[in-house]
Amino acid sequence: MSGQRAVLVHPSADALARASAARLLLALADAQALRRPVHLAIAGGSVGTQVLAEVATSPLLENLDLTGLHVWWVDERFVPCGDPDRNEGQASEALLGGLDIPAANVHRMPSSDGADGAGDPHAAAADYATELAAFAPSGTEAVRAPEFDVVLLGMGPDGHIASLFPGHGTVTIDDRTVIGVPNSPKPPARRISLTLPVLTQARQVWVVAAGAAKADAVARALHGADPDEIPAAAAQGRDLTLWLLDAEAAGR
């Protein structure tokens, strides 16, 4: 059963990034007041990376105990380590590289040239699933993964979230926590992605979107589109679902 849903509209993409960063830091600090450790899943993309960059310079960062924070990725481009297309590289440049988070708390998805996966996105996905399972709450059987405190999602103009794309049938997968995506319609073609059961197990799921190109998909998602056509329509958290938009993305 999903919790509350809210749509918050900011006047510009910059204002959206600043407000989302502040909201994220406060949400994580509140979560740390209740439990340890706290788990955050982040996405790539221009808006998501801008949010992370705002987090890095926010005075609210001092309220967070970084030793008690675990950072995961909702998806990754299955390319070599150091490739500029890697989401984790963008996140490291924007935020993680300047923070004193224990290395063991930063859970990067495998690269195509790493020892794990041996160049196969499906094998790499299975390896990441094993890592997720190691942090699953005791007694959890259905979804062997952490209960994320916040999942930060971007959304493409086609309505995709993570690397779950329209018409690919991946939104219905419920027997795995992580999948290899060999044929993404958006380059690079090979990717790794968390599945919906993991994302919707999160306490809070946030979809952050900016720009007029996203407006149609936002409107369709919020009006209950078929998730196979608009995967973002299936984005929901157990306690709270937030749609964080700029004025252009909210235009429809």
C-alpha atoms as a PDB file:
ATOM      1  CA  MET A   1       0.000   0.000   0.000  1.00  0.00           C
ATOM      2  CA  SER A   2       1.461   3.353  -1.022  1.00  0.00           C
ATOM      3  CA  GLY A   3       1.438   6.437   1.182  1.00  0.00           C
ATOM      4  CA  GLN A   4       0.861  10.063   0.343  1.00  0.00           C
ATOM      5  CA  ARG A   5       1.684  11.703  -2.976  1.00  0.00           C
ATOM      6  CA  ALA A   6       2.505  15.360  -3.528  1.00  0.00           C
ATOM      7  CA  VAL A   7       3.479  17.443  -6.556  1.00  0.00           C
ATOM      8  CA  LEU A   8       5.753  20.408  -5.833  1.00  0.00           C
ATOM      9  CA  VAL A   9       6.468  22.937  -8.587  1.00  0.00           C
ATOM     10  CA  HIS A  10       9.448  25.312  -8.544  1.00  0.00           C
ATOM     11  CA  PRO A  11       9.879  28.295 -10.862  1.00  0.00           C
ATOM     12  CA  SER A  12      13.085  27.131 -12.552  1.00  0.00           C
ATOM     13  CA  ALA A  13      15.413  24.151 -12.861  1.00  0.00           C
ATOM     14  CA  ASP A  14      17.974  25.891 -10.633  1.00  0.00           C
ATOM     15  CA  ALA A  15      15.383  26.547  -7.946  1.00  0.00           C
ATOM     16  CA  LEU A  16      14.221  22.945  -8.257  1.00  0.00           C
ATOM     17  CA  ALA A  17      17.756  21.641  -7.710  1.00  0.00           C
ATOM     18  CA  ARG A  18      18.389  23.874  -4.696  1.00  0.00           C
ATOM     19  CA  ALA A  19      15.082  23.047  -3.042  1.00  0.00           C
ATOM     20  CA  SER A  20      15.406  19.320  -3.737  1.00  0.00           C
ATOM     21  CA  ALA A  21      18.911  19.279  -2.262  1.00  0.00           C
ATOM     22  CA  ALA A  22      17.734  20.957   0.936  1.00  0.00           C
ATOM     23  CA  ARG A  23      14.729  18.663   1.150  1.00  0.00           C
ATOM     24  CA  LEU A  24      16.962  15.604   0.651  1.00  0.00           C
ATOM     25  CA  LEU A  25      19.385  16.578   3.403  1.00  0.00           C
ATOM     26  CA  LEU A  26      16.553  17.241   5.841  1.00  0.00           C
ATOM     27  CA  ALA A  27      14.880  13.931   4.964  1.00  0.00           C
ATOM     28  CA  LEU A  28      18.097  11.999   5.533  1.00  0.00           C
ATOM     29  CA  ALA A  29      18.810  13.816   8.807  1.00  0.00           C
ATOM     30  CA  ASP A  30      15.282  13.006   9.995  1.00  0.00           C
ATOM     31  CA  ALA A  31      15.775   9.366   9.014  1.00  0.00           C
ATOM     32  CA  GLN A  32      19.033   9.224  10.988  1.00  0.00           C
ATOM     33  CA  ALA A  33      17.171  10.457  14.055  1.00  0.00           C
ATOM     34  CA  LEU A  34      15.062   7.303  13.838  1.00  0.00           C
ATOM     35  CA  ARG A  35      17.395   4.530  12.599  1.00  0.00           C
ATOM     36  CA  ARG A  36      20.893   3.586  11.510  1.00  0.00           C
ATOM     37  CA  PRO A  37      22.146   3.101   8.897  1.00  0.00           C
ATOM     38  CA  VAL A  38      20.276   5.208   6.366  1.00  0.00           C
ATOM     39  CA  HIS A  39      20.137   4.121   2.716  1.00  0.00           C
ATOM     40  CA  LEU A  40      19.889   6.492  -0.270  1.00  0.00           C
ATOM     41  CA  ALA A  41      19.556   5.462  -3.925  1.00  0.00           C
ATOM     42  CA  ILE A  42      20.506   8.043  -6.551  1.00  0.00           C
ATOM     43  CA  ALA A  43      20.143   8.399 -10.304  1.00  0.00           C
ATOM     44  CA  GLY A  44      22.196  10.014 -13.031  1.00  0.00           C
ATOM     45  CA  GLY A  45      21.035  12.579 -15.540  1.00  0.00           C
ATOM     46  CA  SER A  46      21.450  16.329 -15.652  1.00  0.00           C
ATOM     47  CA  VAL A  47      18.855  17.249 -13.034  1.00  0.00           C
ATOM     48  CA  GLY A  48      19.860  14.512 -10.602  1.00  0.00           C
ATOM     49  CA  THR A  49      23.511  15.501 -10.887  1.00  0.00           C
ATOM     50  CA  GLN A  50      22.608  19.156 -10.333  1.00  0.00           C
ATOM     51  CA  VAL A  51      20.755  18.192  -7.150  1.00  0.00           C
ATOM     52  CA  LEU A  52      23.848  16.356  -5.904  1.00  0.00           C
ATOM     53  CA  ALA A  53      26.016  19.370  -6.676  1.00  0.00           C
ATOM     54  CA  GLU A  54      23.677  21.551  -4.609  1.00  0.00           C
ATOM     55  CA  VAL A  55      23.879  19.044  -1.752  1.00  0.00           C
ATOM     56  CA  ALA A  56      27.672  19.382  -1.766  1.00  0.00           C
ATOM     57  CA  THR A  57      27.507  23.133  -1.057  1.00  0.00           C
ATOM     58  CA  SER A  58      24.494  23.196   1.271  1.00  0.00           C
ATOM     59  CA  PRO A  59      25.009  24.290   4.900  1.00  0.00           C
ATOM     60  CA  LEU A  60      22.450  21.632   5.837  1.00  0.00           C
ATOM     61  CA  LEU A  61      25.056  18.978   5.046  1.00  0.00           C
ATOM     62  CA  GLU A  62      26.529  19.461   8.529  1.00  0.00           C
ATOM     63  CA  ASN A  63      23.359  17.920  10.004  1.00  0.00           C
ATOM     64  CA  LEU A  64      24.125  14.568   8.391  1.00  0.00           C
ATOM     65  CA  ASP A  65      26.374  11.879   9.869  1.00  0.00           C
ATOM     66  CA  LEU A  66      28.079  10.646   6.726  1.00  0.00           C
ATOM     67  CA  THR A  67      29.459   7.555   8.473  1.00  0.00           C
ATOM     68  CA  GLY A  68      25.889   6.318   8.850  1.00  0.00           C
ATOM     69  CA  LEU A  69      24.865   6.904   5.228  1.00  0.00           C
ATOM     70  CA  HIS A  70      24.934   4.249   2.497  1.00  0.00           C
ATOM     71  CA  VAL A  71      24.697   5.394  -1.127  1.00  0.00           C
ATOM     72  CA  TRP A  72      23.430   3.141  -3.923  1.00  0.00           C
ATOM     73  CA  TRP A  73      22.563   3.648  -7.600  1.00  0.00           C
ATOM     74  CA  VAL A  74      19.169   2.997  -9.201  1.00  0.00           C
ATOM     75  CA  ASP A  75      20.859   2.272 -12.522  1.00  0.00           C
ATOM     76  CA  GLU A  76      24.165   2.491 -14.318  1.00  0.00           C
ATOM     77  CA  ARG A  77      25.523   2.554 -17.843  1.00  0.00           C
ATOM     78  CA  PHE A  78      27.454  -0.697 -18.385  1.00  0.00           C
ATOM     79  CA  VAL A  79      30.586   0.881 -19.790  1.00  0.00           C
ATOM     80  CA  PRO A  80      34.225   0.791 -18.636  1.00  0.00           C
ATOM     81  CA  CYS A  81      35.273   2.321 -15.341  1.00  0.00           C
ATOM     82  CA  GLY A  82      36.149   5.975 -15.872  1.00  0.00           C
ATOM     83  CA  ASP A  83      33.921   6.354 -18.925  1.00  0.00           C
ATOM     84  CA  PRO A  84      32.223   9.788 -18.781  1.00  0.00           C
ATOM     85  CA  ASP A  85      28.864   8.083 -19.354  1.00  0.00           C
ATOM     86  CA  ARG A  86      29.074   6.374 -15.955  1.00  0.00           C
ATOM     87  CA  ASN A  87      26.488   7.734 -13.494  1.00  0.00           C
ATOM     88  CA  GLU A  88      28.835   7.070 -10.605  1.00  0.00           C
ATOM     89  CA  GLY A  89      31.527   9.238 -12.172  1.00  0.00           C
ATOM     90  CA  GLN A  90      29.119  12.149 -12.515  1.00  0.00           C
ATOM     91  CA  ALA A  91      27.980  11.678  -8.921  1.00  0.00           C
ATOM     92  CA  SER A  92      31.545  11.519  -7.659  1.00  0.00           C
ATOM     93  CA  GLU A  93      32.445  14.740  -9.441  1.00  0.00           C
ATOM     94  CA  ALA A  94      29.328  16.544  -8.227  1.00  0.00           C
ATOM     95  CA  LEU A  95      29.229  15.290  -4.642  1.00  0.00           C
ATOM     96  CA  LEU A  96      30.782  12.068  -3.442  1.00  0.00           C
ATOM     97  CA  GLY A  97      34.377  12.932  -4.251  1.00  0.00           C
ATOM     98  CA  GLY A  98      34.299  15.775  -1.737  1.00  0.00           C
ATOM     99  CA  LEU A  99      32.559  13.969   1.115  1.00  0.00           C
ATOM    100  CA  ASP A 100      34.084  11.852   3.839  1.00  0.00           C
ATOM    101  CA  ILE A 101      31.785   8.866   3.338  1.00  0.00           C
ATOM    102  CA  PRO A 102      33.398   5.526   4.215  1.00  0.00           C
ATOM    103  CA  ALA A 103      34.337   3.735   0.993  1.00  0.00           C
ATOM    104  CA  ALA A 104      32.428   0.635   2.100  1.00  0.00           C
ATOM    105  CA  ASN A 105      29.247   2.725   2.246  1.00  0.00           C
ATOM    106  CA  VAL A 106      29.356   3.718  -1.438  1.00  0.00           C
ATOM    107  CA  HIS A 107      27.864   0.880  -3.464  1.00  0.00           C
ATOM    108  CA  ARG A 108      28.794   1.436  -7.082  1.00  0.00           C
ATOM    109  CA  MET A 109      27.322  -0.784  -9.768  1.00  0.00           C
ATOM    110  CA  PRO A 110      29.856  -2.910 -11.704  1.00  0.00           C
ATOM    111  CA  SER A 111      31.543  -1.592 -14.825  1.00  0.00           C
ATOM    112  CA  SER A 112      31.937  -3.521 -18.071  1.00  0.00           C
ATOM    113  CA  ASP A 113      35.666  -3.928 -17.504  1.00  0.00           C
ATOM    114  CA  GLY A 114      35.413  -4.918 -13.845  1.00  0.00           C
ATOM    115  CA  ALA A 115      36.126  -8.341 -12.399  1.00  0.00           C
ATOM    116  CA  ASP A 116      32.466  -8.735 -11.455  1.00  0.00           C
ATOM    117  CA  GLY A 117      30.251  -9.568 -14.379  1.00  0.00           C
ATOM    118  CA  ALA A 118      33.108 -10.200 -16.811  1.00  0.00           C
ATOM    119  CA  GLY A 119      31.590  -7.902 -19.423  1.00  0.00           C
ATOM    120  CA  ASP A 120      28.083  -9.375 -19.120  1.00  0.00           C
ATOM    121  CA  PRO A 121      25.400  -6.964 -17.791  1.00  0.00           C
ATOM    122  CA  HIS A 122      23.230  -9.863 -16.589  1.00  0.00           C
ATOM    123  CA  ALA A 123      26.056 -11.351 -14.526  1.00  0.00           C
ATOM    124  CA  ALA A 124      26.928  -7.891 -13.224  1.00  0.00           C
ATOM    125  CA  ALA A 125      23.289  -7.366 -12.235  1.00  0.00           C
ATOM    126  CA  ALA A 126      23.347 -10.625 -10.290  1.00  0.00           C
ATOM    127  CA  ASP A 127      26.473  -9.453  -8.460  1.00  0.00           C
ATOM    128  CA  TYR A 128      24.800  -6.197  -7.470  1.00  0.00           C
ATOM    129  CA  ALA A 129      21.733  -8.124  -6.335  1.00  0.00           C
ATOM    130  CA  THR A 130      23.977 -10.102  -3.984  1.00  0.00           C
ATOM    131  CA  GLU A 131      25.334  -6.860  -2.542  1.00  0.00           C
ATOM    132  CA  LEU A 132      21.824  -5.503  -2.049  1.00  0.00           C
ATOM    133  CA  ALA A 133      20.741  -8.699  -0.311  1.00  0.00           C
ATOM    134  CA  ALA A 134      23.535  -8.349   2.239  1.00  0.00           C
ATOM    135  CA  PHE A 135      21.799  -5.205   3.534  1.00  0.00           C
ATOM    136  CA  ALA A 136      18.225  -6.514   3.482  1.00  0.00           C
ATOM    137  CA  PRO A 137      16.388  -6.291   6.823  1.00  0.00           C
ATOM    138  CA  SER A 138      16.306  -9.535   8.738  1.00  0.00           C
ATOM    139  CA  GLY A 139      13.215 -11.589   8.007  1.00  0.00           C
ATOM    140  CA  THR A 140      12.731 -10.042   4.572  1.00  0.00           C
ATOM    141  CA  GLU A 141      12.097 -12.677   1.935  1.00  0.00           C
ATOM    142  CA  ALA A 142      10.139 -11.088  -0.896  1.00  0.00           C
ATOM    143  CA  VAL A 143      12.572  -8.298  -1.814  1.00  0.00           C
ATOM    144  CA  ARG A 144      16.140  -8.932  -0.683  1.00  0.00           C
ATOM    145  CA  ALA A 145      17.406  -5.363  -0.620  1.00  0.00           C
ATOM    146  CA  PRO A 146      17.741  -2.458   1.788  1.00  0.00           C
ATOM    147  CA  GLU A 147      14.620  -0.506   2.617  1.00  0.00           C
ATOM    148  CA  PHE A 148      15.791   2.727   1.034  1.00  0.00           C
ATOM    149  CA  ASP A 149      14.951   5.823   3.025  1.00  0.00           C
ATOM    150  CA  VAL A 150      14.909   7.925  -0.154  1.00  0.00           C
ATOM    151  CA  VAL A 151      15.067   6.904  -3.809  1.00  0.00           C
ATOM    152  CA  LEU A 152      15.940   9.853  -6.032  1.00  0.00           C
ATOM    153  CA  LEU A 153      14.753   9.235  -9.589  1.00  0.00           C
ATOM    154  CA  GLY A 154      15.121  11.202 -12.757  1.00  0.00           C
ATOM    155  CA  MET A 155      12.719  10.754 -15.659  1.00  0.00           C
ATOM    156  CA  GLY A 156      13.308  10.835 -19.399  1.00  0.00           C
ATOM    157  CA  PRO A 157      11.021  12.567 -21.915  1.00  0.00           C
ATOM    158  CA  ASP A 158       9.718   9.090 -22.774  1.00  0.00           C
ATOM    159  CA  GLY A 159       8.722   8.532 -19.133  1.00  0.00           C
ATOM    160  CA  HIS A 160      11.469   6.051 -18.265  1.00  0.00           C
ATOM    161  CA  ILE A 161      12.860   5.829 -14.732  1.00  0.00           C
ATOM    162  CA  ALA A 162      16.122   4.119 -13.785  1.00  0.00           C
ATOM    163  CA  SER A 163      16.760   2.031 -16.925  1.00  0.00           C
ATOM    164  CA  LEU A 164      13.184   0.772 -17.158  1.00  0.00           C
ATOM    165  CA  PHE A 165      12.059   1.863 -20.595  1.00  0.00           C
ATOM    166  CA  PRO A 166       8.608   2.027 -22.230  1.00  0.00           C
ATOM    167  CA  GLY A 167       7.499  -1.073 -24.091  1.00  0.00           C
ATOM    168  CA  HIS A 168      10.345  -3.283 -22.863  1.00  0.00           C
ATOM    169  CA  GLY A 169       8.292  -5.206 -20.296  1.00  0.00           C
ATOM    170  CA  THR A 170      10.838  -4.548 -17.558  1.00  0.00           C
ATOM    171  CA  VAL A 171       8.339  -2.799 -15.275  1.00  0.00           C
ATOM    172  CA  THR A 172       6.593  -6.139 -14.697  1.00  0.00           C
ATOM    173  CA  ILE A 173       9.720  -8.015 -13.549  1.00  0.00           C
ATOM    174  CA  ASP A 174       9.211  -9.066  -9.945  1.00  0.00           C
ATOM    175  CA  ASP A 175      11.498 -12.081  -9.507  1.00  0.00           C
ATOM    176  CA  ARG A 176      14.781 -10.115  -9.428  1.00  0.00           C
ATOM    177  CA  THR A 177      16.027  -7.021  -7.658  1.00  0.00           C
ATOM    178  CA  VAL A 178      18.491  -6.041 -10.396  1.00  0.00           C
ATOM    179  CA  ILE A 179      18.415  -6.675 -14.139  1.00  0.00           C
ATOM    180  CA  GLY A 180      20.831  -6.360 -17.012  1.00  0.00           C
ATOM    181  CA  VAL A 181      19.480  -4.217 -19.848  1.00  0.00           C
ATOM    182  CA  PRO A 182      21.193  -5.251 -23.115  1.00  0.00           C
ATOM    183  CA  ASN A 183      19.145  -3.122 -25.508  1.00  0.00           C
ATOM    184  CA  SER A 184      18.406   0.306 -24.060  1.00  0.00           C
ATOM    185  CA  PRO A 185      16.806   2.601 -26.664  1.00  0.00           C
ATOM    186  CA  LYS A 186      18.925   5.406 -25.217  1.00  0.00           C
ATOM    187  CA  PRO A 187      22.692   5.054 -25.607  1.00  0.00           C
ATOM    188  CA  PRO A 188      24.741   3.481 -24.245  1.00  0.00           C
ATOM    189  CA  ALA A 189      22.751   0.362 -25.023  1.00  0.00           C
ATOM    190  CA  ARG A 190      23.954  -1.833 -22.146  1.00  0.00           C
ATOM    191  CA  ARG A 191      22.874  -0.938 -18.638  1.00  0.00           C
ATOM    192  CA  ILE A 192      22.083  -2.296 -15.177  1.00  0.00           C
ATOM    193  CA  SER A 193      18.918  -1.303 -13.318  1.00  0.00           C
ATOM    194  CA  LEU A 194      17.063  -1.876 -10.090  1.00  0.00           C
ATOM    195  CA  THR A 195      13.580  -3.271 -10.602  1.00  0.00           C
ATOM    196  CA  LEU A 196      10.275  -1.811  -9.472  1.00  0.00           C
ATOM    197  CA  PRO A 197       9.856  -4.071  -6.402  1.00  0.00           C
ATOM    198  CA  VAL A 198      13.076  -2.606  -4.966  1.00  0.00           C
ATOM    199  CA  LEU A 199      12.194   0.975  -5.858  1.00  0.00           C
ATOM    200  CA  THR A 200       8.659   0.799  -4.467  1.00  0.00           C
ATOM    201  CA  GLN A 201       9.844  -0.811  -1.231  1.00  0.00           C
ATOM    202  CA  ALA A 202      11.511   2.523  -0.408  1.00  0.00           C
ATOM    203  CA  ARG A 203      10.038   4.686   2.285  1.00  0.00           C
ATOM    204  CA  GLN A 204      10.144   7.727   0.010  1.00  0.00           C
ATOM    205  CA  VAL A 205      10.373   7.873  -3.784  1.00  0.00           C
ATOM    206  CA  TRP A 206      11.071  11.205  -5.443  1.00  0.00           C
ATOM    207  CA  VAL A 207      10.801  11.896  -9.169  1.00  0.00           C
ATOM    208  CA  VAL A 208      12.741  15.026 -10.126  1.00  0.00           C
ATOM    209  CA  ALA A 209      12.070  16.429 -13.598  1.00  0.00           C
ATOM    210  CA  ALA A 210      12.789  19.703 -15.360  1.00  0.00           C
ATOM    211  CA  GLY A 211      12.144  21.091 -18.817  1.00  0.00           C
ATOM    212  CA  ALA A 212       9.268  21.309 -21.266  1.00  0.00           C
ATOM    213  CA  ALA A 213      10.363  18.061 -22.943  1.00  0.00           C
ATOM    214  CA  LYS A 214       9.239  16.190 -19.818  1.00  0.00           C
ATOM    215  CA  ALA A 215       5.816  17.841 -19.533  1.00  0.00           C
ATOM    216  CA  ASP A 216       3.811  15.299 -21.520  1.00  0.00           C
ATOM    217  CA  ALA A 217       5.293  12.302 -19.691  1.00  0.00           C
ATOM    218  CA  VAL A 218       4.757  14.009 -16.315  1.00  0.00           C
ATOM    219  CA  ALA A 219       1.102  14.642 -17.095  1.00  0.00           C
ATOM    220  CA  ARG A 220       0.525  11.099 -18.325  1.00  0.00           C
ATOM    221  CA  ALA A 221       2.281   9.560 -15.329  1.00  0.00           C
ATOM    222  CA  LEU A 222       0.307  11.634 -12.832  1.00  0.00           C
ATOM    223  CA  HIS A 223      -2.951  10.745 -14.564  1.00  0.00           C
ATOM    224  CA  GLY A 224      -2.388   7.007 -14.258  1.00  0.00           C
ATOM    225  CA  ALA A 225      -0.848   5.944 -17.562  1.00  0.00           C
ATOM    226  CA  ASP A 226      -0.041   2.291 -18.178  1.00  0.00           C
ATOM    227  CA  PRO A 227       3.397   1.820 -16.564  1.00  0.00           C
ATOM    228  CA  ASP A 228       4.592  -0.190 -19.553  1.00  0.00           C
ATOM    229  CA  GLU A 229       3.974   2.925 -21.651  1.00  0.00           C
ATOM    230  CA  ILE A 230       5.124   5.438 -19.012  1.00  0.00           C
ATOM    231  CA  PRO A 231       7.220   3.617 -16.382  1.00  0.00           C
ATOM    232  CA  ALA A 232       7.260   6.708 -14.149  1.00  0.00           C
ATOM    233  CA  ALA A 233       3.558   6.108 -13.529  1.00  0.00           C
ATOM    234  CA  ALA A 234       4.607   3.193 -11.301  1.00  0.00           C
ATOM    235  CA  ALA A 235       6.937   5.290  -9.144  1.00  0.00           C
ATOM    236  CA  GLN A 236       5.665   5.261  -5.583  1.00  0.00           C
ATOM    237  CA  GLY A 237       7.046   5.060  -2.089  1.00  0.00           C
ATOM    238  CA  ARG A 238       5.613   3.229   0.892  1.00  0.00           C
ATOM    239  CA  ASP A 239       5.260   6.407   2.959  1.00  0.00           C
ATOM    240  CA  LEU A 240       5.610   9.256   0.483  1.00  0.00           C
ATOM    241  CA  THR A 241       5.881   9.884  -3.246  1.00  0.00           C
ATOM    242  CA  LEU A 242       7.102  13.302  -4.334  1.00  0.00           C
ATOM    243  CA  TRP A 243       7.046  14.739  -7.815  1.00  0.00           C
ATOM    244  CA  LEU A 244       9.533  17.616  -7.785  1.00  0.00           C
ATOM    245  CA  LEU A 245       9.159  19.689 -10.947  1.00  0.00           C
ATOM    246  CA  ASP A 246      10.102  22.992 -12.486  1.00  0.00           C
ATOM    247  CA  ALA A 247       7.403  25.107 -14.079  1.00  0.00           C
ATOM    248  CA  GLU A 248       8.134  23.846 -17.572  1.00  0.00           C
ATOM    249  CA  ALA A 249       7.886  20.167 -16.624  1.00  0.00           C
ATOM    250  CA  ALA A 250       4.593  20.936 -14.872  1.00  0.00           C
ATOM    251  CA  GLY A 251       3.251  22.796 -17.905  1.00  0.00           C
ATOM    252  CA  ARG A 252       0.752  20.122 -18.910  1.00  0.00           C
END
